Amino acid sequence: MSNVQGTPGSESLTARDAWEDYLSLKRALAEDDEAVESVPVSAGTLWLVQELIEAGVCQSETEVISRAVQSFFVAVFPLEPKRQRVLREAATRYRTS
């Protein structure tokens, strides 16, 4: 978290500091045992994620990211023989949906 104290003459909190503070708080407040990682994402991509959640396509940011990465993996490796094994292992090891 940032070290800005807000005293007169101190530096102002930057947007980056605020974002890092938000991510720190989000990790601290996570209610389940899943790993919460910080992934850099553009504002446009974050907006798309929120649109998918609001449309009912997914229930959470985690679900959107999980489905998107799995779809991308299948698209990139459509005929890869070990694809199914890797997907099963990831689902078992990391409990992805």
C-alpha atoms as a PDB file:
ATOM      1  CA  MET A   1       0.000   0.000   0.000  1.00  0.00           C
ATOM      2  CA  SER A   2       1.151   3.545  -0.512  1.00  0.00           C
ATOM      3  CA  ASN A   3       3.017   5.458   2.156  1.00  0.00           C
ATOM      4  CA  VAL A   4       1.305   8.784   1.519  1.00  0.00           C
ATOM      5  CA  GLN A   5       0.126  10.198   4.853  1.00  0.00           C
ATOM      6  CA  GLY A   6      -1.869  13.157   3.562  1.00  0.00           C
ATOM      7  CA  THR A   7      -0.019  15.701   5.656  1.00  0.00           C
ATOM      8  CA  PRO A   8       0.505  19.236   4.370  1.00  0.00           C
ATOM      9  CA  GLY A   9       3.413  19.339   1.937  1.00  0.00           C
ATOM     10  CA  SER A  10       3.362  15.604   1.272  1.00  0.00           C
ATOM     11  CA  GLU A  11       3.080  14.208  -2.223  1.00  0.00           C
ATOM     12  CA  SER A  12      -0.355  13.651  -3.691  1.00  0.00           C
ATOM     13  CA  LEU A  13      -1.575  10.126  -4.184  1.00  0.00           C
ATOM     14  CA  THR A  14      -1.074   9.134  -7.821  1.00  0.00           C
ATOM     15  CA  ALA A  15      -3.574   7.118  -9.827  1.00  0.00           C
ATOM     16  CA  ARG A  16      -1.091   4.237  -9.792  1.00  0.00           C
ATOM     17  CA  ASP A  17      -0.798   4.412  -5.980  1.00  0.00           C
ATOM     18  CA  ALA A  18      -4.581   4.442  -5.649  1.00  0.00           C
ATOM     19  CA  TRP A  19      -4.897   1.417  -7.957  1.00  0.00           C
ATOM     20  CA  GLU A  20      -2.230  -0.495  -6.024  1.00  0.00           C
ATOM     21  CA  ASP A  21      -3.995   0.361  -2.752  1.00  0.00           C
ATOM     22  CA  TYR A  22      -7.274  -0.887  -4.220  1.00  0.00           C
ATOM     23  CA  LEU A  23      -5.680  -4.166  -5.323  1.00  0.00           C
ATOM     24  CA  SER A  24      -4.071  -4.614  -1.897  1.00  0.00           C
ATOM     25  CA  LEU A  25      -7.411  -4.117  -0.184  1.00  0.00           C
ATOM     26  CA  LYS A  26      -9.141  -6.430  -2.646  1.00  0.00           C
ATOM     27  CA  ARG A  27      -6.627  -9.182  -1.881  1.00  0.00           C
ATOM     28  CA  ALA A  28      -6.980  -8.601   1.863  1.00  0.00           C
ATOM     29  CA  LEU A  29     -10.767  -8.801   1.684  1.00  0.00           C
ATOM     30  CA  ALA A  30     -10.955 -11.892  -0.520  1.00  0.00           C
ATOM     31  CA  GLU A  31     -13.474 -14.206   1.087  1.00  0.00           C
ATOM     32  CA  ASP A  32     -12.346 -17.528  -0.362  1.00  0.00           C
ATOM     33  CA  ASP A  33      -9.077 -19.437  -0.548  1.00  0.00           C
ATOM     34  CA  GLU A  34      -8.546 -18.837  -4.259  1.00  0.00           C
ATOM     35  CA  ALA A  35      -5.348 -17.069  -5.206  1.00  0.00           C
ATOM     36  CA  VAL A  36      -6.008 -13.447  -6.002  1.00  0.00           C
ATOM     37  CA  GLU A  37      -3.464 -12.086  -8.429  1.00  0.00           C
ATOM     38  CA  SER A  38      -3.008  -8.687  -9.929  1.00  0.00           C
ATOM     39  CA  VAL A  39      -3.172  -8.773 -13.702  1.00  0.00           C
ATOM     40  CA  PRO A  40      -2.558  -5.545 -15.597  1.00  0.00           C
ATOM     41  CA  VAL A  41      -5.578  -4.810 -17.763  1.00  0.00           C
ATOM     42  CA  SER A  42      -6.662  -1.808 -19.775  1.00  0.00           C
ATOM     43  CA  ALA A  43      -9.715   0.206 -18.782  1.00  0.00           C
ATOM     44  CA  GLY A  44     -11.424  -0.952 -21.992  1.00  0.00           C
ATOM     45  CA  THR A  45     -10.877  -4.613 -21.148  1.00  0.00           C
ATOM     46  CA  LEU A  46     -12.095  -4.088 -17.591  1.00  0.00           C
ATOM     47  CA  TRP A  47     -15.215  -2.433 -19.008  1.00  0.00           C
ATOM     48  CA  LEU A  48     -15.819  -5.496 -21.237  1.00  0.00           C
ATOM     49  CA  VAL A  49     -15.431  -7.783 -18.219  1.00  0.00           C
ATOM     50  CA  GLN A  50     -18.030  -5.762 -16.308  1.00  0.00           C
ATOM     51  CA  GLU A  51     -20.383  -5.820 -19.307  1.00  0.00           C
ATOM     52  CA  LEU A  52     -20.175  -9.642 -19.419  1.00  0.00           C
ATOM     53  CA  ILE A  53     -20.993  -9.843 -15.714  1.00  0.00           C
ATOM     54  CA  GLU A  54     -23.871  -7.368 -15.972  1.00  0.00           C
ATOM     55  CA  ALA A  55     -25.283  -9.287 -18.967  1.00  0.00           C
ATOM     56  CA  GLY A  56     -25.291 -12.466 -16.882  1.00  0.00           C
ATOM     57  CA  VAL A  57     -22.774 -14.263 -19.082  1.00  0.00           C
ATOM     58  CA  CYS A  58     -20.493 -14.804 -16.074  1.00  0.00           C
ATOM     59  CA  GLN A  59     -20.920 -14.361 -12.343  1.00  0.00           C
ATOM     60  CA  SER A  60     -17.543 -12.822 -11.482  1.00  0.00           C
ATOM     61  CA  GLU A  61     -14.306 -11.390 -12.845  1.00  0.00           C
ATOM     62  CA  THR A  62     -12.629 -14.694 -12.012  1.00  0.00           C
ATOM     63  CA  GLU A  63     -15.122 -16.613 -14.149  1.00  0.00           C
ATOM     64  CA  VAL A  64     -14.713 -14.206 -17.082  1.00  0.00           C
ATOM     65  CA  ILE A  65     -10.926 -14.524 -16.994  1.00  0.00           C
ATOM     66  CA  SER A  66     -11.029 -18.296 -16.569  1.00  0.00           C
ATOM     67  CA  ARG A  67     -13.414 -18.806 -19.496  1.00  0.00           C
ATOM     68  CA  ALA A  68     -11.503 -16.352 -21.699  1.00  0.00           C
ATOM     69  CA  VAL A  69      -8.131 -17.995 -21.076  1.00  0.00           C
ATOM     70  CA  GLN A  70      -9.538 -21.497 -21.615  1.00  0.00           C
ATOM     71  CA  SER A  71     -11.184 -20.381 -24.873  1.00  0.00           C
ATOM     72  CA  PHE A  72      -7.971 -18.749 -26.042  1.00  0.00           C
ATOM     73  CA  PHE A  73      -6.009 -21.898 -25.157  1.00  0.00           C
ATOM     74  CA  VAL A  74      -8.370 -24.063 -27.237  1.00  0.00           C
ATOM     75  CA  ALA A  75      -8.227 -21.579 -30.147  1.00  0.00           C
ATOM     76  CA  VAL A  76      -4.424 -21.488 -30.146  1.00  0.00           C
ATOM     77  CA  PHE A  77      -3.985 -25.246 -29.726  1.00  0.00           C
ATOM     78  CA  PRO A  78      -7.002 -26.694 -31.607  1.00  0.00           C
ATOM     79  CA  LEU A  79      -5.275 -29.948 -32.542  1.00  0.00           C
ATOM     80  CA  GLU A  80      -2.732 -30.133 -29.757  1.00  0.00           C
ATOM     81  CA  PRO A  81      -2.759 -33.746 -28.465  1.00  0.00           C
ATOM     82  CA  LYS A  82      -2.022 -32.782 -24.874  1.00  0.00           C
ATOM     83  CA  ARG A  83      -4.678 -30.031 -24.787  1.00  0.00           C
ATOM     84  CA  GLN A  84      -7.329 -32.086 -22.963  1.00  0.00           C
ATOM     85  CA  ARG A  85      -4.815 -33.375 -20.423  1.00  0.00           C
ATOM     86  CA  VAL A  86      -3.590 -29.861 -19.681  1.00  0.00           C
ATOM     87  CA  LEU A  87      -7.141 -28.504 -19.338  1.00  0.00           C
ATOM     88  CA  ARG A  88      -8.138 -31.371 -17.019  1.00  0.00           C
ATOM     89  CA  GLU A  89      -5.010 -30.923 -14.916  1.00  0.00           C
ATOM     90  CA  ALA A  90      -5.601 -27.175 -14.618  1.00  0.00           C
ATOM     91  CA  ALA A  91      -9.239 -27.748 -13.642  1.00  0.00           C
ATOM     92  CA  THR A  92      -8.230 -30.299 -11.013  1.00  0.00           C
ATOM     93  CA  ARG A  93      -5.212 -28.478  -9.643  1.00  0.00           C
ATOM     94  CA  TYR A  94      -6.636 -24.973  -9.617  1.00  0.00           C
ATOM     95  CA  ARG A  95     -10.394 -25.698  -9.536  1.00  0.00           C
ATOM     96  CA  THR A  96     -11.096 -23.553 -12.610  1.00  0.00           C
ATOM     97  CA  SER A  97     -14.568 -23.445 -14.081  1.00  0.00           C
END
